[in-house]
Amino acid sequence: PYAYVESNLVGFINILEACRHHAVEH
């Protein structure tokens, strides 16, 4: 289960933060 927390939760928040700070359109 920890692999899913690390990739799917921690990894996805990194994606969202990158989108927010780099003005991703969609």
mmCIF file of all heavy atoms, coordinates in Angstrom:
data_MODEL
# 
_entry.id   MODEL 
# 
loop_
_atom_site.group_PDB 
_atom_site.id 
_atom_site.type_symbol 
_atom_site.label_atom_id 
_atom_site.label_alt_id 
_atom_site.label_comp_id 
_atom_site.label_asym_id 
_atom_site.label_entity_id 
_atom_site.label_seq_id 
_atom_site.pdbx_PDB_ins_code 
_atom_site.Cartn_x 
_atom_site.Cartn_y 
_atom_site.Cartn_z 
_atom_site.occupancy 
_atom_site.B_iso_or_equiv 
_atom_site.pdbx_formal_charge 
_atom_site.auth_seq_id 
_atom_site.auth_comp_id 
_atom_site.auth_asym_id 
_atom_site.auth_atom_id 
_atom_site.pdbx_PDB_model_num 
ATOM 1   N N   . PRO A 1 1  ? 0.807  -1.227 0.000   1.00 0.00 ? 1  PRO A N   1 
ATOM 2   C CA  . PRO A 1 1  ? 0.000  0.000  0.000   1.00 0.00 ? 1  PRO A CA  1 
ATOM 3   C C   . PRO A 1 1  ? 0.835  1.270  0.000   1.00 0.00 ? 1  PRO A C   1 
ATOM 4   O O   . PRO A 1 1  ? 0.418  2.289  -0.555  1.00 0.00 ? 1  PRO A O   1 
ATOM 5   C CB  . PRO A 1 1  ? -0.837 -0.123 1.272   1.00 0.00 ? 1  PRO A CB  1 
ATOM 6   C CG  . PRO A 1 1  ? -0.088 -1.077 2.151   1.00 0.00 ? 1  PRO A CG  1 
ATOM 7   C CD  . PRO A 1 1  ? 0.560  -2.040 1.206   1.00 0.00 ? 1  PRO A CD  1 
ATOM 8   N N   . TYR A 1 2  ? 2.015  1.220  0.608   1.00 0.00 ? 2  TYR A N   1 
ATOM 9   C CA  . TYR A 1 2  ? 2.826  2.430  0.710   1.00 0.00 ? 2  TYR A CA  1 
ATOM 10  C C   . TYR A 1 2  ? 3.294  2.931  -0.657  1.00 0.00 ? 2  TYR A C   1 
ATOM 11  O O   . TYR A 1 2  ? 3.471  4.133  -0.858  1.00 0.00 ? 2  TYR A O   1 
ATOM 12  C CB  . TYR A 1 2  ? 4.033  2.186  1.624   1.00 0.00 ? 2  TYR A CB  1 
ATOM 13  C CG  . TYR A 1 2  ? 3.638  1.993  3.068   1.00 0.00 ? 2  TYR A CG  1 
ATOM 14  C CD1 . TYR A 1 2  ? 3.557  0.721  3.620   1.00 0.00 ? 2  TYR A CD1 1 
ATOM 15  C CD2 . TYR A 1 2  ? 3.309  3.080  3.882   1.00 0.00 ? 2  TYR A CD2 1 
ATOM 16  C CE1 . TYR A 1 2  ? 3.171  0.526  4.939   1.00 0.00 ? 2  TYR A CE1 1 
ATOM 17  C CE2 . TYR A 1 2  ? 2.925  2.905  5.202   1.00 0.00 ? 2  TYR A CE2 1 
ATOM 18  C CZ  . TYR A 1 2  ? 2.868  1.633  5.730   1.00 0.00 ? 2  TYR A CZ  1 
ATOM 19  O OH  . TYR A 1 2  ? 2.469  1.449  7.032   1.00 0.00 ? 2  TYR A OH  1 
ATOM 20  N N   . ALA A 1 3  ? 3.465  2.016  -1.607  1.00 0.00 ? 3  ALA A N   1 
ATOM 21  C CA  . ALA A 1 3  ? 3.856  2.432  -2.956  1.00 0.00 ? 3  ALA A CA  1 
ATOM 22  C C   . ALA A 1 3  ? 2.781  3.313  -3.575  1.00 0.00 ? 3  ALA A C   1 
ATOM 23  O O   . ALA A 1 3  ? 3.085  4.247  -4.336  1.00 0.00 ? 3  ALA A O   1 
ATOM 24  C CB  . ALA A 1 3  ? 4.099  1.206  -3.839  1.00 0.00 ? 3  ALA A CB  1 
ATOM 25  N N   . TYR A 1 4  ? 1.536  3.052  -3.243  1.00 0.00 ? 4  TYR A N   1 
ATOM 26  C CA  . TYR A 1 4  ? 0.422  3.820  -3.798  1.00 0.00 ? 4  TYR A CA  1 
ATOM 27  C C   . TYR A 1 4  ? 0.306  5.192  -3.133  1.00 0.00 ? 4  TYR A C   1 
ATOM 28  O O   . TYR A 1 4  ? -0.028 6.176  -3.792  1.00 0.00 ? 4  TYR A O   1 
ATOM 29  C CB  . TYR A 1 4  ? -0.882 3.026  -3.654  1.00 0.00 ? 4  TYR A CB  1 
ATOM 30  C CG  . TYR A 1 4  ? -0.898 1.829  -4.570  1.00 0.00 ? 4  TYR A CG  1 
ATOM 31  C CD1 . TYR A 1 4  ? -0.132 0.702  -4.288  1.00 0.00 ? 4  TYR A CD1 1 
ATOM 32  C CD2 . TYR A 1 4  ? -1.641 1.827  -5.739  1.00 0.00 ? 4  TYR A CD2 1 
ATOM 33  C CE1 . TYR A 1 4  ? -0.109 -0.387 -5.142  1.00 0.00 ? 4  TYR A CE1 1 
ATOM 34  C CE2 . TYR A 1 4  ? -1.632 0.746  -6.603  1.00 0.00 ? 4  TYR A CE2 1 
ATOM 35  C CZ  . TYR A 1 4  ? -0.858 -0.358 -6.295  1.00 0.00 ? 4  TYR A CZ  1 
ATOM 36  O OH  . TYR A 1 4  ? -0.826 -1.429 -7.150  1.00 0.00 ? 4  TYR A OH  1 
ATOM 37  N N   . VAL A 1 5  ? 0.581  5.242  -1.846  1.00 0.00 ? 5  VAL A N   1 
ATOM 38  C CA  . VAL A 1 5  ? 0.579  6.536  -1.155  1.00 0.00 ? 5  VAL A CA  1 
ATOM 39  C C   . VAL A 1 5  ? 1.690  7.420  -1.711  1.00 0.00 ? 5  VAL A C   1 
ATOM 40  O O   . VAL A 1 5  ? 1.471  8.602  -2.024  1.00 0.00 ? 5  VAL A O   1 
ATOM 41  C CB  . VAL A 1 5  ? 0.744  6.334  0.362   1.00 0.00 ? 5  VAL A CB  1 
ATOM 42  C CG1 . VAL A 1 5  ? 0.946  7.673  1.061   1.00 0.00 ? 5  VAL A CG1 1 
ATOM 43  C CG2 . VAL A 1 5  ? -0.463 5.603  0.943   1.00 0.00 ? 5  VAL A CG2 1 
ATOM 44  N N   . GLU A 1 6  ? 2.868  6.853  -1.877  1.00 0.00 ? 6  GLU A N   1 
ATOM 45  C CA  . GLU A 1 6  ? 4.011  7.638  -2.352  1.00 0.00 ? 6  GLU A CA  1 
ATOM 46  C C   . GLU A 1 6  ? 3.816  8.121  -3.785  1.00 0.00 ? 6  GLU A C   1 
ATOM 47  O O   . GLU A 1 6  ? 4.065  9.292  -4.098  1.00 0.00 ? 6  GLU A O   1 
ATOM 48  C CB  . GLU A 1 6  ? 5.288  6.802  -2.255  1.00 0.00 ? 6  GLU A CB  1 
ATOM 49  C CG  . GLU A 1 6  ? 6.562  7.543  -2.611  1.00 0.00 ? 6  GLU A CG  1 
ATOM 50  C CD  . GLU A 1 6  ? 6.902  8.647  -1.625  1.00 0.00 ? 6  GLU A CD  1 
ATOM 51  O OE1 . GLU A 1 6  ? 6.499  8.539  -0.440  1.00 0.00 ? 6  GLU A OE1 1 
ATOM 52  O OE2 . GLU A 1 6  ? 7.558  9.633  -2.026  1.00 0.00 ? 6  GLU A OE2 1 
ATOM 53  N N   . SER A 1 7  ? 3.356  7.249  -4.657  1.00 0.00 ? 7  SER A N   1 
ATOM 54  C CA  . SER A 1 7  ? 3.225  7.614  -6.069  1.00 0.00 ? 7  SER A CA  1 
ATOM 55  C C   . SER A 1 7  ? 1.943  8.381  -6.350  1.00 0.00 ? 7  SER A C   1 
ATOM 56  O O   . SER A 1 7  ? 1.960  9.459  -6.947  1.00 0.00 ? 7  SER A O   1 
ATOM 57  C CB  . SER A 1 7  ? 3.276  6.354  -6.933  1.00 0.00 ? 7  SER A CB  1 
ATOM 58  O OG  . SER A 1 7  ? 3.121  6.676  -8.298  1.00 0.00 ? 7  SER A OG  1 
ATOM 59  N N   . ASN A 1 8  ? 0.815  7.827  -5.911  1.00 0.00 ? 8  ASN A N   1 
ATOM 60  C CA  . ASN A 1 8  ? -0.480 8.364  -6.326  1.00 0.00 ? 8  ASN A CA  1 
ATOM 61  C C   . ASN A 1 8  ? -0.933 9.567  -5.511  1.00 0.00 ? 8  ASN A C   1 
ATOM 62  O O   . ASN A 1 8  ? -1.721 10.375 -6.005  1.00 0.00 ? 8  ASN A O   1 
ATOM 63  C CB  . ASN A 1 8  ? -1.543 7.269  -6.271  1.00 0.00 ? 8  ASN A CB  1 
ATOM 64  C CG  . ASN A 1 8  ? -1.246 6.121  -7.206  1.00 0.00 ? 8  ASN A CG  1 
ATOM 65  O OD1 . ASN A 1 8  ? -0.247 6.126  -7.908  1.00 0.00 ? 8  ASN A OD1 1 
ATOM 66  N ND2 . ASN A 1 8  ? -2.110 5.123  -7.224  1.00 0.00 ? 8  ASN A ND2 1 
ATOM 67  N N   . LEU A 1 9  ? -0.458 9.693  -4.275  1.00 0.00 ? 9  LEU A N   1 
ATOM 68  C CA  . LEU A 1 9  ? -0.836 10.848 -3.462  1.00 0.00 ? 9  LEU A CA  1 
ATOM 69  C C   . LEU A 1 9  ? 0.276  11.895 -3.431  1.00 0.00 ? 9  LEU A C   1 
ATOM 70  O O   . LEU A 1 9  ? 0.074  13.043 -3.838  1.00 0.00 ? 9  LEU A O   1 
ATOM 71  C CB  . LEU A 1 9  ? -1.200 10.396 -2.044  1.00 0.00 ? 9  LEU A CB  1 
ATOM 72  C CG  . LEU A 1 9  ? -2.378 9.420  -1.952  1.00 0.00 ? 9  LEU A CG  1 
ATOM 73  C CD1 . LEU A 1 9  ? -2.706 9.098  -0.497  1.00 0.00 ? 9  LEU A CD1 1 
ATOM 74  C CD2 . LEU A 1 9  ? -3.617 9.975  -2.650  1.00 0.00 ? 9  LEU A CD2 1 
ATOM 75  N N   . VAL A 1 10 ? 1.453  11.490 -2.980  1.00 0.00 ? 10 VAL A N   1 
ATOM 76  C CA  . VAL A 1 10 ? 2.575  12.439 -2.946  1.00 0.00 ? 10 VAL A CA  1 
ATOM 77  C C   . VAL A 1 10 ? 2.943  12.861 -4.365  1.00 0.00 ? 10 VAL A C   1 
ATOM 78  O O   . VAL A 1 10 ? 3.163  14.048 -4.650  1.00 0.00 ? 10 VAL A O   1 
ATOM 79  C CB  . VAL A 1 10 ? 3.794  11.832 -2.221  1.00 0.00 ? 10 VAL A CB  1 
ATOM 80  C CG1 . VAL A 1 10 ? 4.982  12.802 -2.264  1.00 0.00 ? 10 VAL A CG1 1 
ATOM 81  C CG2 . VAL A 1 10 ? 3.444  11.495 -0.773  1.00 0.00 ? 10 VAL A CG2 1 
ATOM 82  N N   . GLY A 1 11 ? 3.002  11.902 -5.270  1.00 0.00 ? 11 GLY A N   1 
ATOM 83  C CA  . GLY A 1 11 ? 3.351  12.235 -6.654  1.00 0.00 ? 11 GLY A CA  1 
ATOM 84  C C   . GLY A 1 11 ? 2.337  13.160 -7.287  1.00 0.00 ? 11 GLY A C   1 
ATOM 85  O O   . GLY A 1 11 ? 2.700  14.108 -8.001  1.00 0.00 ? 11 GLY A O   1 
ATOM 86  N N   . PHE A 1 12 ? 1.054  12.946 -7.010  1.00 0.00 ? 12 PHE A N   1 
ATOM 87  C CA  . PHE A 1 12 ? 0.020  13.769 -7.647  1.00 0.00 ? 12 PHE A CA  1 
ATOM 88  C C   . PHE A 1 12 ? 0.004  15.189 -7.077  1.00 0.00 ? 12 PHE A C   1 
ATOM 89  O O   . PHE A 1 12 ? -0.258 16.146 -7.822  1.00 0.00 ? 12 PHE A O   1 
ATOM 90  C CB  . PHE A 1 12 ? -1.352 13.114 -7.503  1.00 0.00 ? 12 PHE A CB  1 
ATOM 91  C CG  . PHE A 1 12 ? -2.399 13.735 -8.385  1.00 0.00 ? 12 PHE A CG  1 
ATOM 92  C CD1 . PHE A 1 12 ? -2.289 13.664 -9.766  1.00 0.00 ? 12 PHE A CD1 1 
ATOM 93  C CD2 . PHE A 1 12 ? -3.493 14.394 -7.856  1.00 0.00 ? 12 PHE A CD2 1 
ATOM 94  C CE1 . PHE A 1 12 ? -3.253 14.225 -10.600 1.00 0.00 ? 12 PHE A CE1 1 
ATOM 95  C CE2 . PHE A 1 12 ? -4.456 14.968 -8.675  1.00 0.00 ? 12 PHE A CE2 1 
ATOM 96  C CZ  . PHE A 1 12 ? -4.333 14.887 -10.048 1.00 0.00 ? 12 PHE A CZ  1 
ATOM 97  N N   . ILE A 1 13 ? 0.287  15.351 -5.788  1.00 0.00 ? 13 ILE A N   1 
ATOM 98  C CA  . ILE A 1 13 ? 0.338  16.713 -5.251  1.00 0.00 ? 13 ILE A CA  1 
ATOM 99  C C   . ILE A 1 13 ? 1.497  17.476 -5.876  1.00 0.00 ? 13 ILE A C   1 
ATOM 100 O O   . ILE A 1 13 ? 1.414  18.694 -6.104  1.00 0.00 ? 13 ILE A O   1 
ATOM 101 C CB  . ILE A 1 13 ? 0.429  16.720 -3.708  1.00 0.00 ? 13 ILE A CB  1 
ATOM 102 C CG1 . ILE A 1 13 ? 0.118  18.119 -3.149  1.00 0.00 ? 13 ILE A CG1 1 
ATOM 103 C CG2 . ILE A 1 13 ? 1.789  16.269 -3.223  1.00 0.00 ? 13 ILE A CG2 1 
ATOM 104 C CD1 . ILE A 1 13 ? -1.280 18.578 -3.394  1.00 0.00 ? 13 ILE A CD1 1 
ATOM 105 N N   . ASN A 1 14 ? 2.572  16.776 -6.206  1.00 0.00 ? 14 ASN A N   1 
ATOM 106 C CA  . ASN A 1 14 ? 3.683  17.429 -6.907  1.00 0.00 ? 14 ASN A CA  1 
ATOM 107 C C   . ASN A 1 14 ? 3.253  17.908 -8.293  1.00 0.00 ? 14 ASN A C   1 
ATOM 108 O O   . ASN A 1 14 ? 3.648  18.994 -8.736  1.00 0.00 ? 14 ASN A O   1 
ATOM 109 C CB  . ASN A 1 14 ? 4.867  16.469 -7.024  1.00 0.00 ? 14 ASN A CB  1 
ATOM 110 C CG  . ASN A 1 14 ? 5.539  16.199 -5.692  1.00 0.00 ? 14 ASN A CG  1 
ATOM 111 O OD1 . ASN A 1 14 ? 5.436  16.997 -4.761  1.00 0.00 ? 14 ASN A OD1 1 
ATOM 112 N ND2 . ASN A 1 14 ? 6.231  15.075 -5.587  1.00 0.00 ? 14 ASN A ND2 1 
ATOM 113 N N   . ILE A 1 15 ? 2.446  17.087 -8.975  1.00 0.00 ? 15 ILE A N   1 
ATOM 114 C CA  . ILE A 1 15 ? 1.924  17.487 -10.286 1.00 0.00 ? 15 ILE A CA  1 
ATOM 115 C C   . ILE A 1 15 ? 1.060  18.732 -10.157 1.00 0.00 ? 15 ILE A C   1 
ATOM 116 O O   . ILE A 1 15 ? 1.189  19.695 -10.929 1.00 0.00 ? 15 ILE A O   1 
ATOM 117 C CB  . ILE A 1 15 ? 1.103  16.336 -10.913 1.00 0.00 ? 15 ILE A CB  1 
ATOM 118 C CG1 . ILE A 1 15 ? 2.006  15.134 -11.256 1.00 0.00 ? 15 ILE A CG1 1 
ATOM 119 C CG2 . ILE A 1 15 ? 0.338  16.810 -12.144 1.00 0.00 ? 15 ILE A CG2 1 
ATOM 120 C CD1 . ILE A 1 15 ? 2.966  15.388 -12.393 1.00 0.00 ? 15 ILE A CD1 1 
ATOM 121 N N   . LEU A 1 16 ? 0.166  18.729 -9.186  1.00 0.00 ? 16 LEU A N   1 
ATOM 122 C CA  . LEU A 1 16 ? -0.728 19.875 -8.998  1.00 0.00 ? 16 LEU A CA  1 
ATOM 123 C C   . LEU A 1 16 ? 0.046  21.144 -8.658  1.00 0.00 ? 16 LEU A C   1 
ATOM 124 O O   . LEU A 1 16 ? -0.256 22.230 -9.173  1.00 0.00 ? 16 LEU A O   1 
ATOM 125 C CB  . LEU A 1 16 ? -1.751 19.563 -7.901  1.00 0.00 ? 16 LEU A CB  1 
ATOM 126 C CG  . LEU A 1 16 ? -2.803 18.506 -8.248  1.00 0.00 ? 16 LEU A CG  1 
ATOM 127 C CD1 . LEU A 1 16 ? -3.612 18.134 -7.005  1.00 0.00 ? 16 LEU A CD1 1 
ATOM 128 C CD2 . LEU A 1 16 ? -3.726 18.990 -9.361  1.00 0.00 ? 16 LEU A CD2 1 
ATOM 129 N N   . GLU A 1 17 ? 1.036  21.022 -7.803  1.00 0.00 ? 17 GLU A N   1 
ATOM 130 C CA  . GLU A 1 17 ? 1.840  22.190 -7.440  1.00 0.00 ? 17 GLU A CA  1 
ATOM 131 C C   . GLU A 1 17 ? 2.618  22.716 -8.644  1.00 0.00 ? 17 GLU A C   1 
ATOM 132 O O   . GLU A 1 17 ? 2.729  23.928 -8.848  1.00 0.00 ? 17 GLU A O   1 
ATOM 133 C CB  . GLU A 1 17 ? 2.794  21.829 -6.305  1.00 0.00 ? 17 GLU A CB  1 
ATOM 134 C CG  . GLU A 1 17 ? 2.146  21.841 -4.934  1.00 0.00 ? 17 GLU A CG  1 
ATOM 135 C CD  . GLU A 1 17 ? 1.822  23.273 -4.491  1.00 0.00 ? 17 GLU A CD  1 
ATOM 136 O OE1 . GLU A 1 17 ? 2.754  23.988 -4.094  1.00 0.00 ? 17 GLU A OE1 1 
ATOM 137 O OE2 . GLU A 1 17 ? 0.637  23.676 -4.562  1.00 0.00 ? 17 GLU A OE2 1 
ATOM 138 N N   . ALA A 1 18 ? 3.142  21.794 -9.454  1.00 0.00 ? 18 ALA A N   1 
ATOM 139 C CA  . ALA A 1 18 ? 3.874  22.221 -10.651 1.00 0.00 ? 18 ALA A CA  1 
ATOM 140 C C   . ALA A 1 18 ? 2.939  22.959 -11.610 1.00 0.00 ? 18 ALA A C   1 
ATOM 141 O O   . ALA A 1 18 ? 3.309  23.980 -12.197 1.00 0.00 ? 18 ALA A O   1 
ATOM 142 C CB  . ALA A 1 18 ? 4.497  21.008 -11.347 1.00 0.00 ? 18 ALA A CB  1 
ATOM 143 N N   . CYS A 1 19 ? 1.709  22.447 -11.754 1.00 0.00 ? 19 CYS A N   1 
ATOM 144 C CA  . CYS A 1 19 ? 0.733  23.118 -12.624 1.00 0.00 ? 19 CYS A CA  1 
ATOM 145 C C   . CYS A 1 19 ? 0.393  24.510 -12.089 1.00 0.00 ? 19 CYS A C   1 
ATOM 146 O O   . CYS A 1 19 ? 0.295  25.483 -12.851 1.00 0.00 ? 19 CYS A O   1 
ATOM 147 C CB  . CYS A 1 19 ? -0.528 22.282 -12.734 1.00 0.00 ? 19 CYS A CB  1 
ATOM 148 S SG  . CYS A 1 19 ? -0.339 20.744 -13.671 1.00 0.00 ? 19 CYS A SG  1 
ATOM 149 N N   . ARG A 1 20 ? 0.207  24.602 -10.790 1.00 0.00 ? 20 ARG A N   1 
ATOM 150 C CA  . ARG A 1 20 ? -0.157 25.890 -10.194 1.00 0.00 ? 20 ARG A CA  1 
ATOM 151 C C   . ARG A 1 20 ? 0.927  26.928 -10.382 1.00 0.00 ? 20 ARG A C   1 
ATOM 152 O O   . ARG A 1 20 ? 0.662  28.079 -10.742 1.00 0.00 ? 20 ARG A O   1 
ATOM 153 C CB  . ARG A 1 20 ? -0.446 25.708 -8.696  1.00 0.00 ? 20 ARG A CB  1 
ATOM 154 C CG  . ARG A 1 20 ? -0.678 27.022 -7.949  1.00 0.00 ? 20 ARG A CG  1 
ATOM 155 C CD  . ARG A 1 20 ? -1.258 26.773 -6.587  1.00 0.00 ? 20 ARG A CD  1 
ATOM 156 N NE  . ARG A 1 20 ? -0.307 26.360 -5.595  1.00 0.00 ? 20 ARG A NE  1 
ATOM 157 C CZ  . ARG A 1 20 ? 0.271  27.193 -4.722  1.00 0.00 ? 20 ARG A CZ  1 
ATOM 158 N NH1 . ARG A 1 20 ? 0.012  28.497 -4.763  1.00 0.00 ? 20 ARG A NH1 1 
ATOM 159 N NH2 . ARG A 1 20 ? 1.098  26.728 -3.806  1.00 0.00 ? 20 ARG A NH2 1 
ATOM 160 N N   . HIS A 1 21 ? 2.166  26.550 -10.164 1.00 0.00 ? 21 HIS A N   1 
ATOM 161 C CA  . HIS A 1 21 ? 3.269  27.515 -10.190 1.00 0.00 ? 21 HIS A CA  1 
ATOM 162 C C   . HIS A 1 21 ? 3.769  27.818 -11.594 1.00 0.00 ? 21 HIS A C   1 
ATOM 163 O O   . HIS A 1 21 ? 4.539  28.758 -11.782 1.00 0.00 ? 21 HIS A O   1 
ATOM 164 C CB  . HIS A 1 21 ? 4.416  27.015 -9.317  1.00 0.00 ? 21 HIS A CB  1 
ATOM 165 C CG  . HIS A 1 21 ? 4.101  27.055 -7.854  1.00 0.00 ? 21 HIS A CG  1 
ATOM 166 N ND1 . HIS A 1 21 ? 3.901  28.229 -7.156  1.00 0.00 ? 21 HIS A ND1 1 
ATOM 167 C CD2 . HIS A 1 21 ? 3.929  26.056 -6.953  1.00 0.00 ? 21 HIS A CD2 1 
ATOM 168 C CE1 . HIS A 1 21 ? 3.635  27.974 -5.898  1.00 0.00 ? 21 HIS A CE1 1 
ATOM 169 N NE2 . HIS A 1 21 ? 3.642  26.652 -5.737  1.00 0.00 ? 21 HIS A NE2 1 
ATOM 170 N N   . HIS A 1 22 ? 3.336  27.016 -12.580 1.00 0.00 ? 22 HIS A N   1 
ATOM 171 C CA  . HIS A 1 22 ? 3.783  27.258 -13.950 1.00 0.00 ? 22 HIS A CA  1 
ATOM 172 C C   . HIS A 1 22 ? 2.615  27.581 -14.885 1.00 0.00 ? 22 HIS A C   1 
ATOM 173 O O   . HIS A 1 22 ? 2.754  27.480 -16.101 1.00 0.00 ? 22 HIS A O   1 
ATOM 174 C CB  . HIS A 1 22 ? 4.567  26.041 -14.476 1.00 0.00 ? 22 HIS A CB  1 
ATOM 175 C CG  . HIS A 1 22 ? 5.884  25.858 -13.785 1.00 0.00 ? 22 HIS A CG  1 
ATOM 176 N ND1 . HIS A 1 22 ? 6.008  25.169 -12.588 1.00 0.00 ? 22 HIS A ND1 1 
ATOM 177 C CD2 . HIS A 1 22 ? 7.127  26.302 -14.098 1.00 0.00 ? 22 HIS A CD2 1 
ATOM 178 C CE1 . HIS A 1 22 ? 7.275  25.169 -12.215 1.00 0.00 ? 22 HIS A CE1 1 
ATOM 179 N NE2 . HIS A 1 22 ? 7.970  25.851 -13.094 1.00 0.00 ? 22 HIS A NE2 1 
ATOM 180 N N   . ALA A 1 23 ? 1.510  27.988 -14.311 1.00 0.00 ? 23 ALA A N   1 
ATOM 181 C CA  . ALA A 1 23 ? 0.366  28.492 -15.077 1.00 0.00 ? 23 ALA A CA  1 
ATOM 182 C C   . ALA A 1 23 ? -0.056 27.547 -16.197 1.00 0.00 ? 23 ALA A C   1 
ATOM 183 O O   . ALA A 1 23 ? -0.282 27.966 -17.334 1.00 0.00 ? 23 ALA A O   1 
ATOM 184 C CB  . ALA A 1 23 ? 0.675  29.876 -15.638 1.00 0.00 ? 23 ALA A CB  1 
ATOM 185 N N   . VAL A 1 24 ? -0.159 26.256 -15.877 1.00 0.00 ? 24 VAL A N   1 
ATOM 186 C CA  . VAL A 1 24 ? -0.615 25.274 -16.859 1.00 0.00 ? 24 VAL A CA  1 
ATOM 187 C C   . VAL A 1 24 ? -2.071 25.571 -17.229 1.00 0.00 ? 24 VAL A C   1 
ATOM 188 O O   . VAL A 1 24 ? -2.907 25.836 -16.360 1.00 0.00 ? 24 VAL A O   1 
ATOM 189 C CB  . VAL A 1 24 ? -0.471 23.844 -16.291 1.00 0.00 ? 24 VAL A CB  1 
ATOM 190 C CG1 . VAL A 1 24 ? -1.206 22.831 -17.147 1.00 0.00 ? 24 VAL A CG1 1 
ATOM 191 C CG2 . VAL A 1 24 ? 1.007  23.481 -16.199 1.00 0.00 ? 24 VAL A CG2 1 
ATOM 192 N N   . GLU A 1 25 ? -2.371 25.538 -18.504 1.00 0.00 ? 25 GLU A N   1 
ATOM 193 C CA  . GLU A 1 25 ? -3.700 25.924 -18.980 1.00 0.00 ? 25 GLU A CA  1 
ATOM 194 C C   . GLU A 1 25 ? -4.767 24.869 -18.698 1.00 0.00 ? 25 GLU A C   1 
ATOM 195 O O   . GLU A 1 25 ? -5.942 25.203 -18.521 1.00 0.00 ? 25 GLU A O   1 
ATOM 196 C CB  . GLU A 1 25 ? -3.656 26.222 -20.479 1.00 0.00 ? 25 GLU A CB  1 
ATOM 197 C CG  . GLU A 1 25 ? -2.793 27.424 -20.840 1.00 0.00 ? 25 GLU A CG  1 
ATOM 198 C CD  . GLU A 1 25 ? -2.775 27.692 -22.326 1.00 0.00 ? 25 GLU A CD  1 
ATOM 199 O OE1 . GLU A 1 25 ? -3.512 26.986 -23.070 1.00 0.00 ? 25 GLU A OE1 1 
ATOM 200 O OE2 . GLU A 1 25 ? -2.049 28.594 -22.765 1.00 0.00 ? 25 GLU A OE2 1 
ATOM 201 N N   . HIS A 1 26 ? -4.366 23.595 -18.687 1.00 0.00 ? 26 HIS A N   1 
ATOM 202 C CA  . HIS A 1 26 ? -5.347 22.528 -18.499 1.00 0.00 ? 26 HIS A CA  1 
ATOM 203 C C   . HIS A 1 26 ? -4.612 21.249 -18.121 1.00 0.00 ? 26 HIS A C   1 
ATOM 204 O O   . HIS A 1 26 ? -3.720 20.810 -18.845 1.00 0.00 ? 26 HIS A O   1 
ATOM 205 C CB  . HIS A 1 26 ? -6.151 22.309 -19.792 1.00 0.00 ? 26 HIS A CB  1 
ATOM 206 C CG  . HIS A 1 26 ? -7.267 21.319 -19.656 1.00 0.00 ? 26 HIS A CG  1 
ATOM 207 N ND1 . HIS A 1 26 ? -7.803 20.664 -20.754 1.00 0.00 ? 26 HIS A ND1 1 
ATOM 208 C CD2 . HIS A 1 26 ? -7.971 20.875 -18.584 1.00 0.00 ? 26 HIS A CD2 1 
ATOM 209 C CE1 . HIS A 1 26 ? -8.783 19.871 -20.357 1.00 0.00 ? 26 HIS A CE1 1 
ATOM 210 N NE2 . HIS A 1 26 ? -8.902 19.974 -19.040 1.00 0.00 ? 26 HIS A NE2 1 
# 
